[in-house]
Protein backbone atom coordinates (compact mmCIF):
# COMPACT_ATOMS: atom_id res chain seq x y z
CA MET A 1 191.11 69.85 217.12
CA GLN A 2 188.07 72.07 217.54
CA GLU A 3 187.81 72.40 213.79
CA THR A 4 187.80 68.61 213.44
CA THR A 5 185.05 68.27 216.07
CA GLY A 6 182.92 70.94 214.35
CA ALA A 7 183.33 69.21 211.00
CA LYS A 8 182.18 65.91 212.48
CA ARG A 9 179.10 67.56 213.92
CA GLN A 10 178.21 69.07 210.55
CA ILE A 11 178.68 65.68 208.89
CA ARG A 12 176.39 64.02 211.47
CA ARG A 13 173.80 66.78 211.09
CA GLY A 14 173.92 66.48 207.29
CA ALA A 15 173.62 62.70 207.52
CA GLY A 16 170.60 63.07 209.80
CA ILE A 17 168.91 65.42 207.37
CA VAL A 18 169.58 63.07 204.47
CA MET A 19 168.17 60.16 206.47
CA MET A 20 165.01 62.11 207.32
CA LEU A 21 164.54 63.03 203.66
CA CYS A 22 164.98 59.42 202.65
CA LEU A 23 162.47 58.24 205.23
CA ALA A 24 159.97 60.90 204.11
CA ALA A 25 160.45 59.86 200.49
CA LEU A 26 159.95 56.20 201.40
CA ALA A 27 156.83 57.06 203.39
CA TRP A 28 155.45 59.06 200.49
CA LEU A 29 156.19 56.25 198.01
CA ALA A 30 154.60 53.71 200.34
CA GLY A 31 151.52 55.89 200.80
CA ASP A 32 151.25 56.54 197.08
CA TYR A 33 151.56 52.80 196.42
CA VAL A 34 148.81 51.99 198.92
CA VAL A 35 146.28 54.59 197.82
CA HIS A 36 146.61 53.51 194.20
CA ARG A 37 145.83 49.87 194.92
CA PRO A 38 142.69 48.41 193.28
CA TYR A 39 141.02 47.75 196.63
CA PHE A 40 140.50 51.53 196.97
CA SER A 41 138.57 51.75 193.68
CA ILE A 42 135.15 53.41 193.69
CA ARG A 43 132.46 50.74 193.44
CA THR A 44 129.30 52.75 194.13
CA ILE A 45 128.00 56.18 193.14
CA GLU A 46 124.89 57.15 195.08
CA ILE A 47 122.66 60.01 193.88
CA VAL A 48 120.44 61.56 196.56
CA GLY A 49 118.52 64.76 197.21
CA GLU A 50 115.95 66.42 194.94
CA THR A 51 116.03 63.89 192.13
CA ASP A 52 112.37 63.87 191.07
CA PHE A 53 113.09 65.71 187.80
CA ILE A 54 116.47 64.06 187.20
CA ASP A 55 117.22 61.07 184.97
CA CYS A 56 119.37 59.40 187.62
CA PRO A 57 120.60 56.46 185.48
CA ALA A 58 121.80 58.89 182.80
CA LEU A 59 123.49 61.09 185.41
CA GLU A 60 125.14 58.10 187.06
CA LYS A 61 126.48 56.97 183.68
CA SER A 62 127.98 60.43 183.10
CA LEU A 63 129.56 60.40 186.55
CA TRP A 64 131.20 57.02 185.93
CA GLU A 65 132.50 58.27 182.60
CA GLY A 66 133.92 61.37 184.31
CA LEU A 67 135.46 59.49 187.24
CA ARG A 68 139.25 59.47 187.35
CA GLY A 69 141.20 57.87 190.18
CA ASN A 70 140.02 56.03 193.28
CA TYR A 71 138.58 56.82 196.70
CA PHE A 72 141.54 59.04 197.61
CA THR A 73 142.38 60.56 194.24
CA ALA A 74 138.99 61.12 192.57
CA ASP A 75 138.55 64.71 191.43
CA ILE A 76 135.52 65.81 193.46
CA ASP A 77 135.28 69.22 191.78
CA ALA A 78 135.22 67.66 188.31
CA LEU A 79 132.43 65.27 189.31
CA ARG A 80 130.44 68.15 190.79
CA GLY A 81 130.79 69.90 187.44
CA VAL A 82 129.43 66.80 185.67
CA ALA A 83 126.35 66.84 187.92
CA GLU A 84 125.79 70.59 187.62
CA ALA A 85 125.92 70.34 183.81
CA VAL A 86 122.50 68.62 183.95
CA PRO A 87 119.90 71.32 183.14
CA TRP A 88 117.61 70.55 186.10
CA VAL A 89 120.50 70.61 188.62
CA SER A 90 121.02 73.94 190.37
CA ARG A 91 123.74 72.81 192.77
CA ALA A 92 125.47 69.53 193.56
CA SER A 93 127.87 68.34 196.24
CA VAL A 94 130.06 65.24 196.08
CA GLU A 95 131.46 63.49 199.16
CA ARG A 96 133.48 60.36 199.75
CA VAL A 97 131.79 57.57 201.72
CA TRP A 98 134.20 55.06 203.21
CA PRO A 99 135.42 52.69 201.95
CA ASP A 100 134.47 52.65 198.25
CA ALA A 101 131.60 55.00 197.45
CA LEU A 102 130.77 58.53 196.38
CA ARG A 103 127.55 60.31 197.36
CA VAL A 104 126.23 63.02 195.03
CA THR A 105 123.59 65.29 196.59
CA ILE A 106 121.36 67.18 194.18
CA VAL A 107 119.56 70.50 194.62
CA ARG A 108 117.33 70.93 191.59
CA ARG A 109 116.24 74.03 189.77
CA ARG A 110 112.66 75.12 190.27
CA ALA A 111 111.00 76.35 187.10
CA ALA A 112 109.28 79.69 187.57
CA ALA A 113 108.19 80.21 183.96
CA LEU A 114 108.60 79.35 180.32
CA TRP A 115 111.18 81.68 178.84
CA GLY A 116 110.73 82.77 175.26
CA GLY A 117 108.52 79.75 174.59
CA THR A 118 111.26 77.09 174.33
CA ARG A 119 113.36 77.37 177.49
CA LEU A 120 112.68 77.54 181.21
CA LEU A 121 113.47 80.18 183.80
CA SER A 122 114.24 79.19 187.37
CA ASP A 123 113.05 81.03 190.46
CA ARG A 124 116.62 82.34 190.77
CA GLY A 125 116.57 83.87 187.29
CA GLU A 126 118.60 81.10 185.63
CA ILE A 127 117.70 80.23 182.03
CA PHE A 128 117.99 76.51 181.29
CA ALA A 129 116.86 74.14 178.56
CA PRO A 130 115.92 70.54 179.44
CA LYS A 131 115.65 68.05 176.60
CA GLU A 132 111.95 67.71 177.27
CA VAL A 133 109.25 69.45 179.27
CA LYS A 134 105.99 67.60 179.86
CA ALA A 135 102.96 69.42 178.44
CA SER A 136 101.10 69.13 181.75
CA GLU A 137 103.97 70.83 183.56
CA ALA A 138 104.32 73.58 180.95
CA GLN A 139 100.63 74.45 181.17
CA LYS A 140 101.04 75.38 184.82
CA LEU A 141 103.83 77.86 184.16
CA PRO A 142 103.47 81.54 183.22
CA ARG A 143 105.22 82.77 180.09
CA PHE A 144 108.04 85.29 180.43
CA SER A 145 110.02 86.97 177.68
CA GLY A 146 112.71 89.59 177.31
CA PRO A 147 116.46 89.94 176.72
CA ASP A 148 118.33 87.06 178.39
CA PRO A 149 120.44 89.35 180.63
CA MET A 150 117.21 90.75 182.12
CA ALA A 151 115.86 87.35 183.17
CA PRO A 152 116.61 87.87 186.91
CA GLN A 153 114.79 91.23 186.78
CA VAL A 154 111.74 89.56 185.23
CA VAL A 155 111.61 87.04 188.08
CA GLU A 156 111.92 89.87 190.57
CA MET A 157 109.14 91.86 188.87
CA PHE A 158 106.89 88.79 188.86
CA GLY A 159 107.35 88.59 192.62
CA VAL A 160 105.97 92.15 192.85
CA LEU A 161 103.08 91.79 190.38
CA GLU A 162 101.72 88.31 191.16
CA PRO A 163 100.57 89.10 194.74
CA LEU A 164 98.77 92.17 193.40
CA ALA A 165 97.02 90.11 190.70
CA ARG A 166 95.91 87.63 193.36
CA ARG A 167 93.90 90.42 194.99
CA LEU A 168 91.69 90.26 191.89
CA GLY A 169 91.57 86.48 192.01
CA ALA A 170 93.77 86.41 188.89
CA ASP A 171 97.26 85.20 187.97
CA VAL A 172 100.00 86.77 185.89
CA GLU A 173 99.88 84.54 182.79
CA GLU A 174 102.46 86.49 180.75
CA LEU A 175 105.14 89.03 181.63
CA SER A 176 107.50 90.66 179.18
CA VAL A 177 110.08 93.40 179.08
CA THR A 178 111.74 95.04 176.08
CA ASP A 179 115.42 95.82 175.77
CA ARG A 180 114.50 99.42 176.69
CA GLY A 181 112.87 98.30 179.93
CA ALA A 182 109.18 98.64 178.97
CA TRP A 183 106.96 96.18 180.84
CA SER A 184 103.67 94.56 179.85
CA MET A 185 101.69 91.63 181.19
CA LYS A 186 98.56 89.51 180.78
CA ILE A 187 96.41 88.47 183.71
CA GLU A 188 93.51 86.04 183.94
CA GLY A 189 91.55 84.20 186.59
CA GLY A 190 88.48 84.42 188.77
CA SER A 191 86.16 87.05 187.26
CA VAL A 192 88.99 88.57 185.19
CA PRO A 193 89.17 87.40 181.54
CA GLU A 194 92.46 87.49 179.67
CA THR A 195 93.52 91.14 179.95
CA ARG A 196 96.65 92.79 178.59
CA ILE A 197 98.07 95.50 180.82
CA ILE A 198 100.73 97.88 179.53
CA LEU A 199 102.90 99.08 182.40
CA GLY A 200 105.65 100.98 180.58
CA ARG A 201 109.09 101.81 181.90
CA GLU A 202 110.27 102.33 185.45
CA THR A 203 110.70 106.02 186.26
CA HIS A 204 111.67 108.15 189.25
CA ASP A 205 108.03 109.17 189.68
CA SER A 206 106.34 105.81 189.21
CA SER A 207 107.26 102.13 189.16
CA ALA A 208 105.57 99.36 187.19
CA GLY A 209 104.49 97.79 190.48
CA SER A 210 102.87 100.97 191.79
CA ARG A 211 101.04 101.51 188.51
CA PHE A 212 99.63 97.99 188.60
CA ALA A 213 98.66 98.47 192.26
CA LEU A 214 96.60 101.48 191.14
CA VAL A 215 94.87 99.31 188.52
CA VAL A 216 94.07 96.65 191.12
CA ALA A 217 92.69 99.23 193.56
CA HIS A 218 90.21 100.61 191.01
CA TYR A 219 89.58 97.58 188.80
CA GLY A 220 86.17 96.70 190.28
CA GLU A 221 84.96 100.28 190.02
CA VAL A 222 86.07 100.55 186.38
CA ALA A 223 84.46 97.20 185.49
CA ARG A 224 81.15 98.38 186.95
CA MET A 225 81.30 101.69 185.10
CA MET A 226 82.06 99.93 181.78
CA GLY A 227 79.50 97.18 182.23
CA GLY A 228 82.12 94.45 182.33
CA PRO A 229 85.86 93.81 182.70
CA PRO A 230 87.99 96.00 180.41
CA ALA A 231 89.62 94.26 177.46
CA GLN A 232 92.93 96.10 177.88
CA ILE A 233 94.46 98.58 180.29
CA ASP A 234 97.14 101.15 179.58
CA ALA A 235 98.82 102.06 182.87
CA ARG A 236 101.68 104.18 181.49
CA TYR A 237 100.57 107.19 183.47
CA VAL A 238 101.15 108.63 186.93
CA ASN A 239 98.07 108.20 189.16
CA ALA A 240 95.84 107.26 186.20
CA PHE A 241 95.21 104.55 183.63
CA ALA A 242 93.15 104.09 180.48
CA ALA A 243 90.86 101.12 179.81
CA THR A 244 89.19 99.84 176.64
CA MET A 245 85.62 98.56 176.49
CA PRO A 246 84.85 94.94 177.40
CA ASP A 247 85.34 92.30 174.70
CA PRO A 248 82.35 89.89 174.71
CA ALA A 249 84.37 87.20 172.90
CA LYS A 250 87.10 87.25 175.55
CA ILE A 251 84.53 87.18 178.34
CA ALA A 252 82.75 84.19 176.77
CA ALA A 253 86.03 82.33 176.24
CA HIS A 254 87.00 82.97 179.84
CA GLU A 255 83.67 81.70 181.16
CA GLN A 256 84.02 78.50 179.10
CA LYS A 257 87.55 78.00 180.38
CA GLN A 258 86.43 78.48 183.98
CA ALA A 259 83.58 76.01 183.52
CA ALA A 260 85.93 73.42 182.02
CA ALA A 261 88.40 73.88 184.89
CA GLU A 262 85.65 73.44 187.47
CA ALA A 263 84.42 70.28 185.72
CA GLN A 264 87.94 68.85 185.62
CA ALA A 265 88.47 69.65 189.30
CA ALA A 266 85.30 67.74 190.14
CA GLN A 267 86.61 64.56 188.48
CA PRO A 268 88.45 61.91 190.59
CA LYS A 269 92.18 62.48 190.59
CA ASP A 270 94.40 59.94 188.86
CA ALA A 271 96.12 57.78 191.42
CA GLY A 272 99.18 57.43 189.20
CA LYS A 273 102.17 59.67 189.64
CA ALA A 274 102.72 62.10 186.78
CA ASP A 275 106.07 62.01 185.07
CA GLY A 276 108.30 65.05 185.38
CA PRO A 277 110.43 66.65 182.70
CA ALA A 278 113.41 64.59 181.57
CA VAL A 279 117.02 65.69 181.84
């Protein structure tokens, strides 16, 4: 008798489990049916954030082409990858906006320099290649060069050297590094004509930044002694540097450039908004 009662209990327990599984399966099928209905289709893709350098219509077209599924099933990670494949996009986030939209938020790359003449380098050391860079934008950028893996180091070195150059009223116009780690640069601005400065390799005794700091500290004194700004400086020494005699042609070209820049600055600014580089 007890065995019969125990068997009945097991049968009821098993039947309850089967019923729960069936209900769960029905609920899942019902949910799957609902979320795949057409009224949950994505109808709007909104692109927001730092979009001034982005071809938003082209990006939106790519996002629609990459969209699979509806509001509930769209692959957010895949769409983020589509957005981040655009050269000017550094980071992107994609979120669902109830009931039928996706919002793509853009963080764009900021160009720190021209890299190797044809590509751009971001302020985070990322090399990227837009389809087009406007000439007016390119003219404002310094020119960096070196092995691609060293690009982040070049950005970091620029952050050290540029504030030092500003003490002379100049800017770092070019910065390069060889595959052996030898640095050189060109500066120009203010009373400093285009000047190549050889900094050499980083050593335990002396860094490229400290050698350039020495040049900056004594530049005025050297220019007075030589009767003008030196044409080139070799700073590959510890606590010393060598300078070549002034180049009248470079000085004249610099003075003409400064005069032209001052004349352009005095002209009324164009009220129109300049176009940025395309995607």
